[in-house]
Amino acid sequence: MAERLDDLCASFKRDLRAEGKAPRTGDLYAMSVRLFGAWLTEQGRPATLDELSRSAIREWLAALAEDREQSTVRTRFKGLHRFCGWLVAEGELDAHPMAGMSPPAPAAKPVPVLSDAELTALIKACGGRDFVSRRDAAMIRVLLETGVRVSELCGLTVQSVDLDREMALVTGKGSKVRPVYFGSRTVSALDRYLRERRRHRWAHLDAMWLTQRGALSPDGARERIKIRGREAGIDGLHPHMFRHVFAHDYLMAGGQERDLKRLAGWTSDTMLERYGASAADARAAAAARRMARGDRV
């Protein structure tokens, strides 16, 4: 009887944990396997190892590309490719079904950068004195000033935030710890929140951000940002947009790309180029206006 993909995926995730991979990485890889299995089921085919063929994988990727972003398709490709490699290494497959296949290249798209007016409206939307307002205001300011990923934001603990030194230690991809820094207004927002937090029913938890059910999850943070964005008149606001704003503002202020790479926790120059594109465009436009060659003749 052919092995079920779900059962193999469970073993795959255990091996990833044994290798020291971050839980988020394992979840992303496993999601590719689950989605491929779900697609097989929709086609009336069993979600088993026998169906993990090169042709089936090509069909699945083509179906994904019809209604998904190319970057999402690339992520799914990477996850399934890693799973297939594990199957070969474990002796479950004789050959890698994706060997020689190239992942679809995502098309470059302009990265949206929030305006000062939008950011001001967003902060005003969190202007209340209740616990939720002060928590959301502090979260938004931390995202804006540090550009941390939402998983890094939710991974903060009370002990990892140092208000006197105006910094925090975040744990990024690959469990790498790095410092991030913020200014006096963010410190004030954090201080207000922490004072409210001390009276919270879950104040004994290590997690920095709390809800009525305990620690705030990344999905919960995304939802809160979306709600606050809607209140401020910003449709589709999500935490990653603050990462774009952070990179844009840092480079526009004259910051060095190497320093930005370290602060943002990037290991690849590709991400630096992507997130710094809006600042590069703005600098190029300003330089073109300064030149104004046509105005001099």
C-alpha atoms as a PDB file:
ATOM      1  CA  MET A   1       0.000   0.000   0.000  1.00  0.00           C
ATOM      2  CA  ALA A   2       1.384   3.414  -0.990  1.00  0.00           C
ATOM      3  CA  GLU A   3       2.472   5.736   1.804  1.00  0.00           C
ATOM      4  CA  ARG A   4       0.169   8.671   2.510  1.00  0.00           C
ATOM      5  CA  LEU A   5       1.745  12.085   1.976  1.00  0.00           C
ATOM      6  CA  ASP A   6       0.323  13.322   5.298  1.00  0.00           C
ATOM      7  CA  ASP A   7       2.100  10.561   7.212  1.00  0.00           C
ATOM      8  CA  LEU A   8       5.394  11.205   5.425  1.00  0.00           C
ATOM      9  CA  CYS A   9       5.013  14.933   6.007  1.00  0.00           C
ATOM     10  CA  ALA A  10       4.713  14.345   9.763  1.00  0.00           C
ATOM     11  CA  SER A  11       8.031  12.459   9.711  1.00  0.00           C
ATOM     12  CA  PHE A  12       9.529  15.205   7.540  1.00  0.00           C
ATOM     13  CA  LYS A  13       8.619  17.857  10.125  1.00  0.00           C
ATOM     14  CA  ARG A  14      10.160  15.799  12.927  1.00  0.00           C
ATOM     15  CA  ASP A  15      13.441  15.610  11.016  1.00  0.00           C
ATOM     16  CA  LEU A  16      13.370  19.360  10.407  1.00  0.00           C
ATOM     17  CA  ARG A  17      12.991  19.937  14.141  1.00  0.00           C
ATOM     18  CA  ALA A  18      15.900  17.569  14.777  1.00  0.00           C
ATOM     19  CA  GLU A  19      17.990  19.671  12.361  1.00  0.00           C
ATOM     20  CA  GLY A  20      17.209  22.755  14.436  1.00  0.00           C
ATOM     21  CA  LYS A  21      14.968  24.385  11.844  1.00  0.00           C
ATOM     22  CA  ALA A  22      12.623  27.065  13.171  1.00  0.00           C
ATOM     23  CA  PRO A  23       9.019  25.877  13.692  1.00  0.00           C
ATOM     24  CA  ARG A  24       7.844  28.479  11.183  1.00  0.00           C
ATOM     25  CA  THR A  25      10.150  27.006   8.526  1.00  0.00           C
ATOM     26  CA  GLY A  26       8.793  23.526   9.133  1.00  0.00           C
ATOM     27  CA  ASP A  27       5.217  24.803   8.920  1.00  0.00           C
ATOM     28  CA  LEU A  28       5.904  26.542   5.594  1.00  0.00           C
ATOM     29  CA  TYR A  29       7.507  23.451   4.057  1.00  0.00           C
ATOM     30  CA  ALA A  30       4.730  21.213   5.340  1.00  0.00           C
ATOM     31  CA  MET A  31       2.088  23.561   3.960  1.00  0.00           C
ATOM     32  CA  SER A  32       3.392  22.910   0.442  1.00  0.00           C
ATOM     33  CA  VAL A  33       2.960  19.175   0.969  1.00  0.00           C
ATOM     34  CA  ARG A  34      -0.530  19.598   2.402  1.00  0.00           C
ATOM     35  CA  LEU A  35      -1.641  21.859  -0.450  1.00  0.00           C
ATOM     36  CA  PHE A  36      -0.272  19.456  -3.048  1.00  0.00           C
ATOM     37  CA  GLY A  37      -2.126  16.602  -1.331  1.00  0.00           C
ATOM     38  CA  ALA A  38      -5.341  18.641  -1.245  1.00  0.00           C
ATOM     39  CA  TRP A  39      -4.978  19.368  -4.966  1.00  0.00           C
ATOM     40  CA  LEU A  40      -4.569  15.655  -5.696  1.00  0.00           C
ATOM     41  CA  THR A  41      -7.743  14.920  -3.754  1.00  0.00           C
ATOM     42  CA  GLU A  42      -9.617  17.577  -5.746  1.00  0.00           C
ATOM     43  CA  GLN A  43      -8.492  15.826  -8.918  1.00  0.00           C
ATOM     44  CA  GLY A  44      -9.940  12.557  -7.665  1.00  0.00           C
ATOM     45  CA  ARG A  45      -6.458  11.108  -7.101  1.00  0.00           C
ATOM     46  CA  PRO A  46      -5.134   9.628  -3.844  1.00  0.00           C
ATOM     47  CA  ALA A  47      -2.764  11.847  -1.851  1.00  0.00           C
ATOM     48  CA  THR A  48      -0.067   9.192  -1.754  1.00  0.00           C
ATOM     49  CA  LEU A  49       3.593   8.876  -2.604  1.00  0.00           C
ATOM     50  CA  ASP A  50       2.764   7.175  -5.917  1.00  0.00           C
ATOM     51  CA  GLU A  51       1.164  10.410  -7.139  1.00  0.00           C
ATOM     52  CA  LEU A  52       4.203  12.564  -6.341  1.00  0.00           C
ATOM     53  CA  SER A  53       5.362  12.625  -9.947  1.00  0.00           C
ATOM     54  CA  ARG A  54       7.069  15.283 -12.018  1.00  0.00           C
ATOM     55  CA  SER A  55       4.035  15.734 -14.260  1.00  0.00           C
ATOM     56  CA  ALA A  56       1.645  16.053 -11.307  1.00  0.00           C
ATOM     57  CA  ILE A  57       3.873  18.635  -9.661  1.00  0.00           C
ATOM     58  CA  ARG A  58       3.994  20.669 -12.888  1.00  0.00           C
ATOM     59  CA  GLU A  59       0.199  20.564 -13.143  1.00  0.00           C
ATOM     60  CA  TRP A  60      -0.155  21.673  -9.524  1.00  0.00           C
ATOM     61  CA  LEU A  61       2.253  24.608  -9.926  1.00  0.00           C
ATOM     62  CA  ALA A  62       0.444  25.674 -13.089  1.00  0.00           C
ATOM     63  CA  ALA A  63      -2.885  25.606 -11.241  1.00  0.00           C
ATOM     64  CA  LEU A  64      -1.408  27.686  -8.412  1.00  0.00           C
ATOM     65  CA  ALA A  65      -0.035  30.255 -10.842  1.00  0.00           C
ATOM     66  CA  GLU A  66      -3.528  30.952 -12.187  1.00  0.00           C
ATOM     67  CA  ASP A  67      -4.747  32.684  -9.025  1.00  0.00           C
ATOM     68  CA  ARG A  68      -1.743  33.115  -6.735  1.00  0.00           C
ATOM     69  CA  GLU A  69       1.103  35.600  -6.605  1.00  0.00           C
ATOM     70  CA  GLN A  70       4.252  34.346  -8.279  1.00  0.00           C
ATOM     71  CA  SER A  71       6.151  34.751  -5.017  1.00  0.00           C
ATOM     72  CA  THR A  72       3.641  32.411  -3.347  1.00  0.00           C
ATOM     73  CA  VAL A  73       4.098  29.836  -6.103  1.00  0.00           C
ATOM     74  CA  ARG A  74       7.855  30.081  -5.603  1.00  0.00           C
ATOM     75  CA  THR A  75       7.443  29.449  -1.872  1.00  0.00           C
ATOM     76  CA  ARG A  76       5.288  26.383  -2.528  1.00  0.00           C
ATOM     77  CA  PHE A  77       7.875  25.143  -5.044  1.00  0.00           C
ATOM     78  CA  LYS A  78      10.638  25.481  -2.477  1.00  0.00           C
ATOM     79  CA  GLY A  79       8.707  23.607   0.210  1.00  0.00           C
ATOM     80  CA  LEU A  80       7.807  20.668  -2.007  1.00  0.00           C
ATOM     81  CA  HIS A  81      11.345  20.554  -3.431  1.00  0.00           C
ATOM     82  CA  ARG A  82      12.758  20.270   0.087  1.00  0.00           C
ATOM     83  CA  PHE A  83      10.259  17.515   0.919  1.00  0.00           C
ATOM     84  CA  CYS A  84      11.205  15.542  -2.197  1.00  0.00           C
ATOM     85  CA  GLY A  85      14.881  15.844  -1.295  1.00  0.00           C
ATOM     86  CA  TRP A  86      14.126  14.437   2.137  1.00  0.00           C
ATOM     87  CA  LEU A  87      12.219  11.519   0.598  1.00  0.00           C
ATOM     88  CA  VAL A  88      15.239  10.636  -1.550  1.00  0.00           C
ATOM     89  CA  ALA A  89      17.609  10.908   1.414  1.00  0.00           C
ATOM     90  CA  GLU A  90      15.323   8.629   3.448  1.00  0.00           C
ATOM     91  CA  GLY A  91      15.088   6.042   0.683  1.00  0.00           C
ATOM     92  CA  GLU A  92      11.373   6.604   0.130  1.00  0.00           C
ATOM     93  CA  LEU A  93      12.053   7.690  -3.464  1.00  0.00           C
ATOM     94  CA  ASP A  94      14.760   6.496  -5.838  1.00  0.00           C
ATOM     95  CA  ALA A  95      15.039   9.809  -7.681  1.00  0.00           C
ATOM     96  CA  HIS A  96      14.102  13.430  -7.023  1.00  0.00           C
ATOM     97  CA  PRO A  97      10.962  14.160  -9.093  1.00  0.00           C
ATOM     98  CA  MET A  98      11.773  17.891  -9.188  1.00  0.00           C
ATOM     99  CA  ALA A  99      15.431  17.539 -10.183  1.00  0.00           C
ATOM    100  CA  GLY A 100      16.292  20.126 -12.799  1.00  0.00           C
ATOM    101  CA  MET A 101      13.003  21.988 -12.409  1.00  0.00           C
ATOM    102  CA  SER A 102      13.344  25.744 -12.009  1.00  0.00           C
ATOM    103  CA  PRO A 103      11.129  27.672  -9.622  1.00  0.00           C
ATOM    104  CA  PRO A 104       8.942  30.323 -11.209  1.00  0.00           C
ATOM    105  CA  ALA A 105      10.569  33.735 -10.978  1.00  0.00           C
ATOM    106  CA  PRO A 106       8.391  36.277  -9.147  1.00  0.00           C
ATOM    107  CA  ALA A 107       7.760  39.474 -11.039  1.00  0.00           C
ATOM    108  CA  ALA A 108       9.108  42.608  -9.409  1.00  0.00           C
ATOM    109  CA  LYS A 109       6.312  44.840  -8.154  1.00  0.00           C
ATOM    110  CA  PRO A 110       6.431  48.305  -6.622  1.00  0.00           C
ATOM    111  CA  VAL A 111       6.477  48.074  -2.846  1.00  0.00           C
ATOM    112  CA  PRO A 112       3.819  50.272  -1.216  1.00  0.00           C
ATOM    113  CA  VAL A 113       5.133  52.801   1.288  1.00  0.00           C
ATOM    114  CA  LEU A 114       2.749  54.411   3.763  1.00  0.00           C
ATOM    115  CA  SER A 115       2.592  58.208   3.717  1.00  0.00           C
ATOM    116  CA  ASP A 116       3.055  60.403   6.792  1.00  0.00           C
ATOM    117  CA  ALA A 117      -0.650  61.266   6.651  1.00  0.00           C
ATOM    118  CA  GLU A 118      -1.592  57.590   6.708  1.00  0.00           C
ATOM    119  CA  LEU A 119       0.773  56.868   9.587  1.00  0.00           C
ATOM    120  CA  THR A 120      -0.601  59.830  11.550  1.00  0.00           C
ATOM    121  CA  ALA A 121      -4.164  58.579  11.022  1.00  0.00           C
ATOM    122  CA  LEU A 122      -3.084  55.118  12.131  1.00  0.00           C
ATOM    123  CA  ILE A 123      -1.579  56.383  15.365  1.00  0.00           C
ATOM    124  CA  LYS A 124      -4.705  58.471  16.033  1.00  0.00           C
ATOM    125  CA  ALA A 125      -6.831  55.351  15.577  1.00  0.00           C
ATOM    126  CA  CYS A 126      -5.045  53.907  18.620  1.00  0.00           C
ATOM    127  CA  GLY A 127      -5.459  57.052  20.723  1.00  0.00           C
ATOM    128  CA  GLY A 128      -7.585  55.533  23.470  1.00  0.00           C
ATOM    129  CA  ARG A 129      -6.447  54.934  27.048  1.00  0.00           C
ATOM    130  CA  ASP A 130      -7.712  51.373  27.331  1.00  0.00           C
ATOM    131  CA  PHE A 131      -5.446  48.314  27.289  1.00  0.00           C
ATOM    132  CA  VAL A 132      -6.094  47.349  23.646  1.00  0.00           C
ATOM    133  CA  SER A 133      -5.480  50.871  22.342  1.00  0.00           C
ATOM    134  CA  ARG A 134      -2.217  51.231  24.221  1.00  0.00           C
ATOM    135  CA  ARG A 135      -1.070  47.779  23.142  1.00  0.00           C
ATOM    136  CA  ASP A 136      -1.897  48.423  19.488  1.00  0.00           C
ATOM    137  CA  ALA A 137      -0.255  51.864  19.535  1.00  0.00           C
ATOM    138  CA  ALA A 138       2.939  50.387  20.999  1.00  0.00           C
ATOM    139  CA  MET A 139       2.953  47.510  18.491  1.00  0.00           C
ATOM    140  CA  ILE A 140       2.508  49.830  15.527  1.00  0.00           C
ATOM    141  CA  ARG A 141       5.290  52.118  16.690  1.00  0.00           C
ATOM    142  CA  VAL A 142       7.655  49.175  17.202  1.00  0.00           C
ATOM    143  CA  LEU A 143       6.864  47.857  13.716  1.00  0.00           C
ATOM    144  CA  LEU A 144       7.359  51.294  12.198  1.00  0.00           C
ATOM    145  CA  GLU A 145      10.651  52.073  13.909  1.00  0.00           C
ATOM    146  CA  THR A 146      12.310  48.675  13.752  1.00  0.00           C
ATOM    147  CA  GLY A 147      10.902  46.962  10.656  1.00  0.00           C
ATOM    148  CA  VAL A 148      10.703  43.631  12.483  1.00  0.00           C
ATOM    149  CA  ARG A 149       8.770  40.715  11.023  1.00  0.00           C
ATOM    150  CA  VAL A 150       5.426  39.949  12.646  1.00  0.00           C
ATOM    151  CA  SER A 151       6.828  36.658  14.004  1.00  0.00           C
ATOM    152  CA  GLU A 152       9.697  38.610  15.580  1.00  0.00           C
ATOM    153  CA  LEU A 153       7.279  41.143  17.035  1.00  0.00           C
ATOM    154  CA  CYS A 154       5.194  38.424  18.672  1.00  0.00           C
ATOM    155  CA  GLY A 155       8.353  36.660  19.858  1.00  0.00           C
ATOM    156  CA  LEU A 156       9.328  39.624  22.033  1.00  0.00           C
ATOM    157  CA  THR A 157       9.272  39.094  25.775  1.00  0.00           C
ATOM    158  CA  VAL A 158       9.086  41.670  28.534  1.00  0.00           C
ATOM    159  CA  GLN A 159      12.720  40.876  29.388  1.00  0.00           C
ATOM    160  CA  SER A 160      13.900  41.395  25.813  1.00  0.00           C
ATOM    161  CA  VAL A 161      12.750  45.032  25.751  1.00  0.00           C
ATOM    162  CA  ASP A 162      15.009  47.616  27.416  1.00  0.00           C
ATOM    163  CA  LEU A 163      13.304  51.007  27.605  1.00  0.00           C
ATOM    164  CA  ASP A 164      16.267  52.774  29.209  1.00  0.00           C
ATOM    165  CA  ARG A 165      18.571  51.748  26.364  1.00  0.00           C
ATOM    166  CA  GLU A 166      15.791  52.288  23.799  1.00  0.00           C
ATOM    167  CA  MET A 167      16.274  48.859  22.240  1.00  0.00           C
ATOM    168  CA  ALA A 168      15.053  45.284  22.120  1.00  0.00           C
ATOM    169  CA  LEU A 169      16.530  41.922  21.215  1.00  0.00           C
ATOM    170  CA  VAL A 170      14.547  40.033  18.587  1.00  0.00           C
ATOM    171  CA  THR A 171      14.906  36.428  17.471  1.00  0.00           C
ATOM    172  CA  GLY A 172      14.803  36.198  13.692  1.00  0.00           C
ATOM    173  CA  LYS A 173      15.039  33.481  11.085  1.00  0.00           C
ATOM    174  CA  GLY A 174      17.359  30.641  11.975  1.00  0.00           C
ATOM    175  CA  SER A 175      16.996  31.595  15.677  1.00  0.00           C
ATOM    176  CA  LYS A 176      19.453  34.460  15.155  1.00  0.00           C
ATOM    177  CA  VAL A 177      19.242  37.180  17.781  1.00  0.00           C
ATOM    178  CA  ARG A 178      19.831  40.819  16.821  1.00  0.00           C
ATOM    179  CA  PRO A 179      19.263  44.221  18.451  1.00  0.00           C
ATOM    180  CA  VAL A 180      16.741  46.739  17.141  1.00  0.00           C
ATOM    181  CA  TYR A 181      16.395  50.340  18.249  1.00  0.00           C
ATOM    182  CA  PHE A 182      13.612  52.875  18.692  1.00  0.00           C
ATOM    183  CA  GLY A 183      13.133  56.514  19.685  1.00  0.00           C
ATOM    184  CA  SER A 184      11.579  58.356  22.606  1.00  0.00           C
ATOM    185  CA  ARG A 185       7.975  58.329  21.353  1.00  0.00           C
ATOM    186  CA  THR A 186       8.055  54.573  20.911  1.00  0.00           C
ATOM    187  CA  VAL A 187       9.597  54.243  24.374  1.00  0.00           C
ATOM    188  CA  SER A 188       6.732  56.334  25.790  1.00  0.00           C
ATOM    189  CA  ALA A 189       4.153  54.174  24.008  1.00  0.00           C
ATOM    190  CA  LEU A 190       5.807  51.016  25.308  1.00  0.00           C
ATOM    191  CA  ASP A 191       5.971  52.436  28.824  1.00  0.00           C
ATOM    192  CA  ARG A 192       2.247  53.260  28.776  1.00  0.00           C
ATOM    193  CA  TYR A 193       1.432  49.780  27.535  1.00  0.00           C
ATOM    194  CA  LEU A 194       3.641  48.049  30.110  1.00  0.00           C
ATOM    195  CA  ARG A 195       1.945  49.957  32.924  1.00  0.00           C
ATOM    196  CA  GLU A 196      -1.411  48.700  31.671  1.00  0.00           C
ATOM    197  CA  ARG A 197       0.043  45.237  31.164  1.00  0.00           C
ATOM    198  CA  ARG A 198       0.985  44.930  34.844  1.00  0.00           C
ATOM    199  CA  ARG A 199      -2.742  44.925  35.686  1.00  0.00           C
ATOM    200  CA  HIS A 200      -3.619  42.313  33.048  1.00  0.00           C
ATOM    201  CA  ARG A 201      -4.854  38.838  34.007  1.00  0.00           C
ATOM    202  CA  TRP A 202      -2.001  37.265  31.991  1.00  0.00           C
ATOM    203  CA  ALA A 203       0.708  39.632  33.271  1.00  0.00           C
ATOM    204  CA  HIS A 204       2.732  36.671  34.593  1.00  0.00           C
ATOM    205  CA  LEU A 205       3.440  35.443  31.053  1.00  0.00           C
ATOM    206  CA  ASP A 206       6.789  36.210  29.426  1.00  0.00           C
ATOM    207  CA  ALA A 207       5.203  37.300  26.149  1.00  0.00           C
ATOM    208  CA  MET A 208       5.300  41.048  25.584  1.00  0.00           C
ATOM    209  CA  TRP A 209       1.929  41.326  23.834  1.00  0.00           C
ATOM    210  CA  LEU A 210      -1.166  40.010  25.554  1.00  0.00           C
ATOM    211  CA  THR A 211      -4.807  39.361  24.694  1.00  0.00           C
ATOM    212  CA  GLN A 212      -7.726  38.221  26.820  1.00  0.00           C
ATOM    213  CA  ARG A 213      -6.754  34.631  25.955  1.00  0.00           C
ATOM    214  CA  GLY A 214      -3.032  34.898  26.619  1.00  0.00           C
ATOM    215  CA  ALA A 215      -0.100  35.736  24.339  1.00  0.00           C
ATOM    216  CA  LEU A 216      -0.809  37.458  21.032  1.00  0.00           C
ATOM    217  CA  SER A 217      -0.106  35.241  18.003  1.00  0.00           C
ATOM    218  CA  PRO A 218       1.244  36.425  14.621  1.00  0.00           C
ATOM    219  CA  ASP A 219      -2.195  35.838  13.086  1.00  0.00           C
ATOM    220  CA  GLY A 220      -3.739  37.859  15.898  1.00  0.00           C
ATOM    221  CA  ALA A 221      -1.271  40.684  15.296  1.00  0.00           C
ATOM    222  CA  ARG A 222      -2.083  40.676  11.577  1.00  0.00           C
ATOM    223  CA  GLU A 223      -5.774  40.958  12.386  1.00  0.00           C
ATOM    224  CA  ARG A 224      -5.232  43.843  14.815  1.00  0.00           C
ATOM    225  CA  ILE A 225      -3.153  45.749  12.244  1.00  0.00           C
ATOM    226  CA  LYS A 226      -5.809  45.136   9.601  1.00  0.00           C
ATOM    227  CA  ILE A 227      -8.529  46.466  11.933  1.00  0.00           C
ATOM    228  CA  ARG A 228      -6.531  49.562  12.873  1.00  0.00           C
ATOM    229  CA  GLY A 229      -5.771  50.187   9.216  1.00  0.00           C
ATOM    230  CA  ARG A 230      -9.464  50.032   8.378  1.00  0.00           C
ATOM    231  CA  GLU A 231     -10.197  52.543  11.158  1.00  0.00           C
ATOM    232  CA  ALA A 232      -7.551  54.856   9.676  1.00  0.00           C
ATOM    233  CA  GLY A 233      -8.894  54.473   6.145  1.00  0.00           C
ATOM    234  CA  ILE A 234      -6.072  52.209   4.944  1.00  0.00           C
ATOM    235  CA  ASP A 235      -7.405  49.124   3.197  1.00  0.00           C
ATOM    236  CA  GLY A 236      -5.412  45.898   3.309  1.00  0.00           C
ATOM    237  CA  LEU A 237      -2.884  47.080   5.880  1.00  0.00           C
ATOM    238  CA  HIS A 238      -0.604  44.290   7.089  1.00  0.00           C
ATOM    239  CA  PRO A 239       2.486  44.196   9.350  1.00  0.00           C
ATOM    240  CA  HIS A 240       4.957  43.630   6.504  1.00  0.00           C
ATOM    241  CA  MET A 241       4.147  47.049   5.062  1.00  0.00           C
ATOM    242  CA  PHE A 242       5.928  48.596   8.040  1.00  0.00           C
ATOM    243  CA  ARG A 243       9.051  46.672   7.048  1.00  0.00           C
ATOM    244  CA  HIS A 244       8.917  48.401   3.670  1.00  0.00           C
ATOM    245  CA  VAL A 245       8.422  51.788   5.335  1.00  0.00           C
ATOM    246  CA  PHE A 246      11.343  51.163   7.683  1.00  0.00           C
ATOM    247  CA  ALA A 247      13.720  50.264   4.838  1.00  0.00           C
ATOM    248  CA  HIS A 248      12.531  53.208   2.724  1.00  0.00           C
ATOM    249  CA  ASP A 249      12.905  55.757   5.524  1.00  0.00           C
ATOM    250  CA  TYR A 250      16.265  54.396   6.633  1.00  0.00           C
ATOM    251  CA  LEU A 251      17.813  54.693   3.183  1.00  0.00           C
ATOM    252  CA  MET A 252      16.171  58.056   2.447  1.00  0.00           C
ATOM    253  CA  ALA A 253      17.707  59.387   5.671  1.00  0.00           C
ATOM    254  CA  GLY A 254      21.155  58.441   4.379  1.00  0.00           C
ATOM    255  CA  GLY A 255      21.557  55.136   6.213  1.00  0.00           C
ATOM    256  CA  GLN A 256      24.047  52.625   4.856  1.00  0.00           C
ATOM    257  CA  GLU A 257      22.760  49.536   3.082  1.00  0.00           C
ATOM    258  CA  ARG A 258      25.078  47.230   5.035  1.00  0.00           C
ATOM    259  CA  ASP A 259      23.707  48.598   8.320  1.00  0.00           C
ATOM    260  CA  LEU A 260      20.119  48.210   7.097  1.00  0.00           C
ATOM    261  CA  LYS A 261      20.827  44.618   6.156  1.00  0.00           C
ATOM    262  CA  ARG A 262      21.991  43.909   9.704  1.00  0.00           C
ATOM    263  CA  LEU A 263      19.116  45.760  11.397  1.00  0.00           C
ATOM    264  CA  ALA A 264      16.509  44.005   9.250  1.00  0.00           C
ATOM    265  CA  GLY A 265      18.047  40.560   9.741  1.00  0.00           C
ATOM    266  CA  TRP A 266      18.648  39.878   6.045  1.00  0.00           C
ATOM    267  CA  THR A 267      21.336  37.515   4.831  1.00  0.00           C
ATOM    268  CA  SER A 268      20.664  38.107   1.141  1.00  0.00           C
ATOM    269  CA  ASP A 269      21.339  41.235  -0.915  1.00  0.00           C
ATOM    270  CA  THR A 270      18.277  40.306  -2.959  1.00  0.00           C
ATOM    271  CA  MET A 271      15.986  41.324  -0.100  1.00  0.00           C
ATOM    272  CA  LEU A 272      17.943  44.542   0.355  1.00  0.00           C
ATOM    273  CA  GLU A 273      17.408  45.401  -3.303  1.00  0.00           C
ATOM    274  CA  ARG A 274      13.705  44.611  -3.118  1.00  0.00           C
ATOM    275  CA  TYR A 275      12.956  46.563   0.025  1.00  0.00           C
ATOM    276  CA  GLY A 276      15.247  49.434  -0.918  1.00  0.00           C
ATOM    277  CA  ALA A 277      13.727  49.863  -4.376  1.00  0.00           C
ATOM    278  CA  SER A 278      11.270  52.602  -3.355  1.00  0.00           C
ATOM    279  CA  ALA A 279      14.040  54.680  -1.780  1.00  0.00           C
ATOM    280  CA  ALA A 280      16.236  54.174  -4.842  1.00  0.00           C
ATOM    281  CA  ASP A 281      13.376  55.343  -7.088  1.00  0.00           C
ATOM    282  CA  ALA A 282      12.789  58.410  -4.923  1.00  0.00           C
ATOM    283  CA  ARG A 283      16.489  59.305  -4.927  1.00  0.00           C
ATOM    284  CA  ALA A 284      16.675  58.832  -8.697  1.00  0.00           C
ATOM    285  CA  ALA A 285      13.639  61.093  -9.214  1.00  0.00           C
ATOM    286  CA  ALA A 286      15.122  63.772  -6.963  1.00  0.00           C
ATOM    287  CA  ALA A 287      18.442  63.588  -8.802  1.00  0.00           C
ATOM    288  CA  ALA A 288      16.683  63.908 -12.165  1.00  0.00           C
ATOM    289  CA  ARG A 289      14.855  67.031 -10.968  1.00  0.00           C
ATOM    290  CA  ARG A 290      18.098  68.551  -9.699  1.00  0.00           C
ATOM    291  CA  MET A 291      19.730  67.939 -13.052  1.00  0.00           C
ATOM    292  CA  ALA A 292      16.830  69.501 -14.961  1.00  0.00           C
ATOM    293  CA  ARG A 293      18.994  69.682 -18.062  1.00  0.00           C
ATOM    294  CA  GLY A 294      16.139  70.956 -20.186  1.00  0.00           C
ATOM    295  CA  ASP A 295      15.662  73.972 -17.895  1.00  0.00           C
ATOM    296  CA  ARG A 296      19.194  75.171 -18.630  1.00  0.00           C
ATOM    297  CA  VAL A 297      18.953  75.418 -22.384  1.00  0.00           C
END
